[in-house]
PDB file of N, CA and C in Angstrom:
ATOM      1  N   UNK A   1      50.860-129.069 224.963  1.00  0.00           N
ATOM      2  CA  UNK A   1      49.427-129.231 225.164  1.00  0.00           C
ATOM      3  C   UNK A   1      48.687-128.504 224.049  1.00  0.00           C
ATOM      4  N   UNK A   2      47.538-129.015 223.682  1.00  0.00           N
ATOM      5  CA  UNK A   2      46.759-128.467 222.571  1.00  0.00           C
ATOM      6  C   UNK A   2      45.710-127.470 223.057  1.00  0.00           C
ATOM      7  N   UNK A   3      45.298-126.567 222.177  1.00  0.00           N
ATOM      8  CA  UNK A   3      44.273-125.575 222.524  1.00  0.00           C
ATOM      9  C   UNK A   3      42.880-126.044 222.159  1.00  0.00           C
ATOM     10  N   UNK A   4      42.788-127.155 221.407  1.00  0.00           N
ATOM     11  CA  UNK A   4      41.482-127.685 221.026  1.00  0.00           C
ATOM     12  C   UNK A   4      41.424-129.167 221.364  1.00  0.00           C
ATOM     13  N   UNK A   5      40.202-129.680 221.399  1.00  0.00           N
ATOM     14  CA  UNK A   5      39.962-131.089 221.682  1.00  0.00           C
ATOM     15  C   UNK A   5      38.948-131.588 220.661  1.00  0.00           C
ATOM     16  N   UNK A   6      39.045-132.851 220.256  1.00  0.00           N
ATOM     17  CA  UNK A   6      38.147-133.427 219.235  1.00  0.00           C
ATOM     18  C   UNK A   6      36.957-134.126 219.882  1.00  0.00           C
ATOM     19  N   UNK A   7      35.816-134.081 219.177  1.00  0.00           N
ATOM     20  CA  UNK A   7      34.633-134.843 219.564  1.00  0.00           C
ATOM     21  C   UNK A   7      34.767-136.261 219.010  1.00  0.00           C
ATOM     22  N   UNK A   8      34.354-137.261 219.794  1.00  0.00           N
ATOM     23  CA  UNK A   8      34.324-138.653 219.349  1.00  0.00           C
ATOM     24  C   UNK A   8      32.921-139.188 219.528  1.00  0.00           C
ATOM     25  N   UNK A   9      32.249-139.520 218.417  1.00  0.00           N
ATOM     26  CA  UNK A   9      30.891-140.034 218.454  1.00  0.00           C
ATOM     27  C   UNK A   9      29.854-138.918 218.417  1.00  0.00           C
ATOM     28  N   UNK A  10      28.598-139.321 218.254  1.00  0.00           N
ATOM     29  CA  UNK A  10      27.495-138.365 218.265  1.00  0.00           C
ATOM     30  C   UNK A  10      27.489-137.445 217.060  1.00  0.00           C
ATOM     31  N   UNK A  11      26.648-136.419 217.099  1.00  0.00           N
ATOM     32  CA  UNK A  11      26.469-135.534 215.941  1.00  0.00           C
ATOM     33  C   UNK A  11      27.669-134.634 215.652  1.00  0.00           C
ATOM     34  N   UNK A  12      28.572-134.438 216.582  1.00  0.00           N
ATOM     35  CA  UNK A  12      29.722-133.548 216.384  1.00  0.00           C
ATOM     36  C   UNK A  12      31.009-134.318 216.106  1.00  0.00           C
ATOM     37  N   UNK A  13      30.916-135.613 215.835  1.00  0.00           N
ATOM     38  CA  UNK A  13      32.077-136.478 215.635  1.00  0.00           C
ATOM     39  C   UNK A  13      33.095-135.870 214.671  1.00  0.00           C
ATOM     40  N   UNK A  14      34.344-135.789 215.120  1.00  0.00           N
ATOM     41  CA  UNK A  14      35.424-135.282 214.291  1.00  0.00           C
ATOM     42  C   UNK A  14      35.644-133.785 214.367  1.00  0.00           C
ATOM     43  N   UNK A  15      34.687-133.028 214.892  1.00  0.00           N
ATOM     44  CA  UNK A  15      34.841-131.572 215.002  1.00  0.00           C
ATOM     45  C   UNK A  15      35.758-131.221 216.170  1.00  0.00           C
ATOM     46  N   UNK A  16      36.328-130.031 216.120  1.00  0.00           N
ATOM     47  CA  UNK A  16      37.187-129.539 217.207  1.00  0.00           C
ATOM     48  C   UNK A  16      36.422-128.558 218.071  1.00  0.00           C
ATOM     49  N   UNK A  17      36.873-128.441 219.312  1.00  0.00           N
ATOM     50  CA  UNK A  17      36.244-127.539 220.281  1.00  0.00           C
ATOM     51  C   UNK A  17      37.360-126.976 221.146  1.00  0.00           C
ATOM     52  N   UNK A  18      37.251-125.729 221.609  1.00  0.00           N
ATOM     53  CA  UNK A  18      38.289-125.189 222.488  1.00  0.00           C
ATOM     54  C   UNK A  18      38.434-126.051 223.744  1.00  0.00           C
ATOM     55  N   UNK A  19      39.664-126.288 224.148  1.00  0.00           N
ATOM     56  CA  UNK A  19      39.938-127.086 225.341  1.00  0.00           C
ATOM     57  C   UNK A  19      39.295-126.429 226.547  1.00  0.00           C
ATOM     58  N   UNK A  20      38.596-127.211 227.378  1.00  0.00           N
ATOM     59  CA  UNK A  20      37.919-126.669 228.545  1.00  0.00           C
ATOM     60  C   UNK A  20      38.196-127.563 229.750  1.00  0.00           C
ATOM     61  N   UNK A  21      37.881-127.055 230.918  1.00  0.00           N
ATOM     62  CA  UNK A  21      38.130-127.809 232.146  1.00  0.00           C
ATOM     63  C   UNK A  21      36.882-128.503 232.657  1.00  0.00           C
ATOM     64  N   UNK A  22      35.737-128.260 232.028  1.00  0.00           N
ATOM     65  CA  UNK A  22      34.490-128.901 232.453  1.00  0.00           C
ATOM     66  C   UNK A  22      34.543-130.393 232.177  1.00  0.00           C
ATOM     67  N   UNK A  23      33.897-131.182 233.000  1.00  0.00           N
ATOM     68  CA  UNK A  23      33.847-132.627 232.804  1.00  0.00           C
ATOM     69  C   UNK A  23      32.796-133.003 231.756  1.00  0.00           C
ATOM     70  N   UNK A  24      31.649-132.302 231.780  1.00  0.00           N
ATOM     71  CA  UNK A  24      30.560-132.595 230.850  1.00  0.00           C
ATOM     72  C   UNK A  24      30.245-131.386 229.989  1.00  0.00           C
ATOM     73  N   UNK A  25      29.884-131.643 228.747  1.00  0.00           N
ATOM     74  CA  UNK A  25      29.491-130.590 227.817  1.00  0.00           C
ATOM     75  C   UNK A  25      28.162-131.007 227.206  1.00  0.00           C
ATOM     76  N   UNK A  26      27.160-130.116 227.263  1.00  0.00           N
ATOM     77  CA  UNK A  26      25.840-130.395 226.711  1.00  0.00           C
ATOM     78  C   UNK A  26      25.652-129.566 225.449  1.00  0.00           C
ATOM     79  N   UNK A  27      25.316-130.230 224.346  1.00  0.00           N
ATOM     80  CA  UNK A  27      25.093-129.576 223.060  1.00  0.00           C
ATOM     81  C   UNK A  27      23.599-129.644 222.761  1.00  0.00           C
ATOM     82  N   UNK A  28      22.897-128.500 222.668  1.00  0.00           N
ATOM     83  CA  UNK A  28      21.445-128.522 222.409  1.00  0.00           C
ATOM     84  C   UNK A  28      21.131-128.954 220.982  1.00  0.00           C
ATOM     85  N   UNK A  29      19.909-129.477 220.793  1.00  0.00           N
ATOM     86  CA  UNK A  29      19.417-129.853 219.469  1.00  0.00           C
ATOM     87  C   UNK A  29      19.245-128.631 218.577  1.00  0.00           C
ATOM     88  N   UNK A  30      18.881-127.529 219.154  1.00  0.00           N
ATOM     89  CA  UNK A  30      18.601-126.308 218.403  1.00  0.00           C
ATOM     90  C   UNK A  30      19.787-125.356 218.508  1.00  0.00           C
ATOM     91  N   UNK A  31      19.795-124.353 217.673  1.00  0.00           N
ATOM     92  CA  UNK A  31      20.878-123.369 217.692  1.00  0.00           C
ATOM     93  C   UNK A  31      20.948-122.680 219.062  1.00  0.00           C
ATOM     94  N   UNK A  32      19.825-122.391 219.657  1.00  0.00           N
ATOM     95  CA  UNK A  32      19.773-121.768 220.982  1.00  0.00           C
ATOM     96  C   UNK A  32      18.974-122.655 221.920  1.00  0.00           C
ATOM     97  N   UNK A  33      19.469-122.847 223.116  1.00  0.00           N
ATOM     98  CA  UNK A  33      18.751-123.622 224.121  1.00  0.00           C
ATOM     99  C   UNK A  33      17.623-122.757 224.661  1.00  0.00           C
ATOM    100  N   UNK A  34      16.419-123.294 224.705  1.00  0.00           N
ATOM    101  CA  UNK A  34      15.265-122.561 225.205  1.00  0.00           C
ATOM    102  C   UNK A  34      14.755-123.253 226.450  1.00  0.00           C
ATOM    103  N   UNK A  35      14.529-122.490 227.482  1.00  0.00           N
ATOM    104  CA  UNK A  35      13.992-123.044 228.719  1.00  0.00           C
ATOM    105  C   UNK A  35      12.733-122.293 229.097  1.00  0.00           C
ATOM    106  N   UNK A  36      11.827-122.990 229.747  1.00  0.00           N
ATOM    107  CA  UNK A  36      10.560-122.404 230.174  1.00  0.00           C
ATOM    108  C   UNK A  36      10.482-122.555 231.692  1.00  0.00           C
ATOM    109  N   UNK A  37      10.171-121.476 232.364  1.00  0.00           N
ATOM    110  CA  UNK A  37      10.049-121.514 233.826  1.00  0.00           C
ATOM    111  C   UNK A  37       8.609-121.873 234.181  1.00  0.00           C
ATOM    112  N   UNK A  38       8.450-122.925 234.967  1.00  0.00           N
ATOM    113  CA  UNK A  38       7.136-123.385 235.408  1.00  0.00           C
ATOM    114  C   UNK A  38       7.116-123.388 236.935  1.00  0.00           C
ATOM    115  N   UNK A  39       5.963-123.528 237.541  1.00  0.00           N
ATOM    116  CA  UNK A  39       5.923-123.608 239.008  1.00  0.00           C
ATOM    117  C   UNK A  39       6.749-124.784 239.560  1.00  0.00           C
ATOM    118  N   UNK A  40       6.921-125.835 238.744  1.00  0.00           N
ATOM    119  CA  UNK A  40       7.696-127.001 239.178  1.00  0.00           C
ATOM    120  C   UNK A  40       9.194-126.810 238.986  1.00  0.00           C
ATOM    121  N   UNK A  41       9.595-125.793 238.242  1.00  0.00           N
ATOM    122  CA  UNK A  41      11.012-125.548 237.971  1.00  0.00           C
ATOM    123  C   UNK A  41      11.230-125.199 236.513  1.00  0.00           C
ATOM    124  N   UNK A  42      12.470-125.286 236.071  1.00  0.00           N
ATOM    125  CA  UNK A  42      12.830-124.953 234.697  1.00  0.00           C
ATOM    126  C   UNK A  42      12.697-126.208 233.831  1.00  0.00           C
ATOM    127  N   UNK A  43      12.026-126.067 232.689  1.00  0.00           N
ATOM    128  CA  UNK A  43      11.813-127.170 231.752  1.00  0.00           C
ATOM    129  C   UNK A  43      12.577-126.862 230.469  1.00  0.00           C
ATOM    130  N   UNK A  44      13.331-127.825 229.958  1.00  0.00           N
ATOM    131  CA  UNK A  44      14.065-127.663 228.709  1.00  0.00           C
ATOM    132  C   UNK A  44      13.143-127.991 227.547  1.00  0.00           C
ATOM    133  N   UNK A  45      13.063-127.080 226.572  1.00  0.00           N
ATOM    134  CA  UNK A  45      12.179-127.277 225.432  1.00  0.00           C
ATOM    135  C   UNK A  45      12.872-128.000 224.277  1.00  0.00           C
ATOM    136  N   UNK A  46      14.183-128.191 224.340  1.00  0.00           N
ATOM    137  CA  UNK A  46      14.926-128.934 223.337  1.00  0.00           C
ATOM    138  C   UNK A  46      15.766-129.982 224.037  1.00  0.00           C
ATOM    139  N   UNK A  47      15.981-131.096 223.367  1.00  0.00           N
ATOM    140  CA  UNK A  47      16.855-132.125 223.927  1.00  0.00           C
ATOM    141  C   UNK A  47      18.310-131.700 223.795  1.00  0.00           C
ATOM    142  N   UNK A  48      19.207-132.450 224.418  1.00  0.00           N
ATOM    143  CA  UNK A  48      20.626-132.133 224.273  1.00  0.00           C
ATOM    144  C   UNK A  48      21.484-133.398 224.273  1.00  0.00           C
ATOM    145  N   UNK A  49      22.617-133.288 223.606  1.00  0.00           N
ATOM    146  CA  UNK A  49      23.589-134.363 223.518  1.00  0.00           C
ATOM    147  C   UNK A  49      24.664-134.099 224.567  1.00  0.00           C
ATOM    148  N   UNK A  50      25.087-135.136 225.264  1.00  0.00           N
ATOM    149  CA  UNK A  50      26.080-134.988 226.321  1.00  0.00           C
ATOM    150  C   UNK A  50      27.405-135.611 225.888  1.00  0.00           C
ATOM    151  N   UNK A  51      28.465-134.841 226.087  1.00  0.00           N
ATOM    152  CA  UNK A  51      29.834-135.312 225.853  1.00  0.00           C
ATOM    153  C   UNK A  51      30.591-135.213 227.165  1.00  0.00           C
ATOM    154  N   UNK A  52      31.498-136.159 227.393  1.00  0.00           N
ATOM    155  CA  UNK A  52      32.315-136.154 228.612  1.00  0.00           C
ATOM    156  C   UNK A  52      33.783-136.016 228.226  1.00  0.00           C
ATOM    157  N   UNK A  53      34.504-135.149 228.955  1.00  0.00           N
ATOM    158  CA  UNK A  53      35.928-134.954 228.713  1.00  0.00           C
ATOM    159  C   UNK A  53      36.676-136.178 229.224  1.00  0.00           C
ATOM    160  N   UNK A  54      37.524-136.747 228.380  1.00  0.00           N
ATOM    161  CA  UNK A  54      38.332-137.907 228.760  1.00  0.00           C
ATOM    162  C   UNK A  54      39.804-137.567 228.522  1.00  0.00           C
ATOM    163  N   UNK A  55      40.660-138.094 229.364  1.00  0.00           N
ATOM    164  CA  UNK A  55      42.105-137.886 229.240  1.00  0.00           C
ATOM    165  C   UNK A  55      42.769-139.257 229.205  1.00  0.00           C
ATOM    166  N   UNK A  56      43.618-139.457 228.213  1.00  0.00           N
ATOM    167  CA  UNK A  56      44.346-140.716 228.075  1.00  0.00           C
ATOM    168  C   UNK A  56      45.845-140.425 228.085  1.00  0.00           C
ATOM    169  N   UNK A  57      46.597-141.281 228.731  1.00  0.00           N
ATOM    170  CA  UNK A  57      48.052-141.144 228.752  1.00  0.00           C
ATOM    171  C   UNK A  57      48.625-142.142 227.752  1.00  0.00           C
ATOM    172  N   UNK A  58      49.428-141.629 226.837  1.00  0.00           N
ATOM    173  CA  UNK A  58      50.060-142.461 225.815  1.00  0.00           C
ATOM    174  C   UNK A  58      51.242-143.207 226.432  1.00  0.00           C
ATOM    175  N   UNK A  59      51.774-144.189 225.707  1.00  0.00           N
ATOM    176  CA  UNK A  59      52.906-144.989 226.195  1.00  0.00           C
ATOM    177  C   UNK A  59      54.137-144.118 226.464  1.00  0.00           C
ATOM    178  N   UNK A  60      54.289-143.020 225.720  1.00  0.00           N
ATOM    179  CA  UNK A  60      55.436-142.126 225.919  1.00  0.00           C
ATOM    180  C   UNK A  60      55.197-141.105 227.035  1.00  0.00           C
ATOM    181  N   UNK A  61      54.053-141.204 227.730  1.00  0.00           N
ATOM    182  CA  UNK A  61      53.754-140.301 228.836  1.00  0.00           C
ATOM    183  C   UNK A  61      52.954-139.069 228.434  1.00  0.00           C
ATOM    184  N   UNK A  62      52.787-138.841 227.135  1.00  0.00           N
ATOM    185  CA  UNK A  62      52.028-137.683 226.661  1.00  0.00           C
ATOM    186  C   UNK A  62      50.538-137.908 226.915  1.00  0.00           C
ATOM    187  N   UNK A  63      49.841-136.836 227.312  1.00  0.00           N
ATOM    188  CA  UNK A  63      48.398-136.905 227.556  1.00  0.00           C
ATOM    189  C   UNK A  63      47.646-136.467 226.308  1.00  0.00           C
ATOM    190  N   UNK A  64      46.513-137.114 226.063  1.00  0.00           N
ATOM    191  CA  UNK A  64      45.629-136.704 224.974  1.00  0.00           C
ATOM    192  C   UNK A  64      44.221-136.576 225.539  1.00  0.00           C
ATOM    193  N   UNK A  65      43.521-135.530 225.124  1.00  0.00           N
ATOM    194  CA  UNK A  65      42.164-135.257 225.604  1.00  0.00           C
ATOM    195  C   UNK A  65      41.178-135.421 224.460  1.00  0.00           C
ATOM    196  N   UNK A  66      39.951-135.829 224.782  1.00  0.00           N
ATOM    197  CA  UNK A  66      38.894-135.882 223.791  1.00  0.00           C
ATOM    198  C   UNK A  66      37.537-135.828 224.472  1.00  0.00           C
ATOM    199  N   UNK A  67      36.538-135.337 223.728  1.00  0.00           N
ATOM    200  CA  UNK A  67      35.160-135.278 224.211  1.00  0.00           C
ATOM    201  C   UNK A  67      34.428-136.500 223.678  1.00  0.00           C
ATOM    202  N   UNK A  68      34.055-137.430 224.560  1.00  0.00           N
ATOM    203  CA  UNK A  68      33.413-138.674 224.161  1.00  0.00           C
ATOM    204  C   UNK A  68      31.899-138.573 224.340  1.00  0.00           C
ATOM    205  N   UNK A  69      31.171-139.035 223.342  1.00  0.00           N
ATOM    206  CA  UNK A  69      29.715-138.982 223.354  1.00  0.00           C
ATOM    207  C   UNK A  69      29.170-139.917 224.424  1.00  0.00           C
ATOM    208  N   UNK A  70      28.266-139.401 225.266  1.00  0.00           N
ATOM    209  CA  UNK A  70      27.684-140.198 226.350  1.00  0.00           C
ATOM    210  C   UNK A  70      26.193-140.438 226.205  1.00  0.00           C
ATOM    211  N   UNK A  71      25.518-139.696 225.321  1.00  0.00           N
ATOM    212  CA  UNK A  71      24.097-139.964 225.131  1.00  0.00           C
ATOM    213  C   UNK A  71      23.287-138.725 224.816  1.00  0.00           C
ATOM    214  N   UNK A  72      21.989-138.965 224.674  1.00  0.00           N
ATOM    215  CA  UNK A  72      21.041-137.928 224.297  1.00  0.00           C
ATOM    216  C   UNK A  72      19.940-137.855 225.348  1.00  0.00           C
ATOM    217  N   UNK A  73      19.574-136.651 225.752  1.00  0.00           N
ATOM    218  CA  UNK A  73      18.477-136.433 226.678  1.00  0.00           C
ATOM    219  C   UNK A  73      17.321-135.815 225.898  1.00  0.00           C
ATOM    220  N   UNK A  74      16.190-136.499 225.890  1.00  0.00           N
ATOM    221  CA  UNK A  74      15.011-135.997 225.185  1.00  0.00           C
ATOM    222  C   UNK A  74      14.486-134.741 225.861  1.00  0.00           C
ATOM    223  N   UNK A  75      13.747-133.888 225.101  1.00  0.00           N
ATOM    224  CA  UNK A  75      13.134-132.714 225.719  1.00  0.00           C
ATOM    225  C   UNK A  75      12.120-133.156 226.778  1.00  0.00           C
ATOM    226  N   UNK A  76      11.987-132.355 227.802  1.00  0.00           N
ATOM    227  CA  UNK A  76      11.014-132.650 228.849  1.00  0.00           C
ATOM    228  C   UNK A  76       9.629-132.254 228.376  1.00  0.00           C
ATOM    229  N   UNK A  77       8.623-132.922 228.903  1.00  0.00           N
ATOM    230  CA  UNK A  77       7.233-132.604 228.541  1.00  0.00           C
ATOM    231  C   UNK A  77       6.894-131.186 228.977  1.00  0.00           C
ATOM    232  N   UNK A  78       6.087-130.520 228.165  1.00  0.00           N
ATOM    233  CA  UNK A  78       5.679-129.141 228.467  1.00  0.00           C
ATOM    234  C   UNK A  78       4.535-129.128 229.444  1.00  0.00           C
TER     235      UNK A  78
END
């Protein structure tokens, strides 16, 4: 088993990331994710890209993992 997983699609295509057990990974547009607390709840000030962990079984039975691009969420209105 590998310690890293590759991104497929989106802005991180081809990069490696440490293997994780989460199903979804959100990558912010900015270096740091900024949130603002409002009476209605928490508002994200930057959009984020979503990747989903996928597992494929090869013909020889070996498993391969990758983070597949699922889309972009625009920042919420302030």
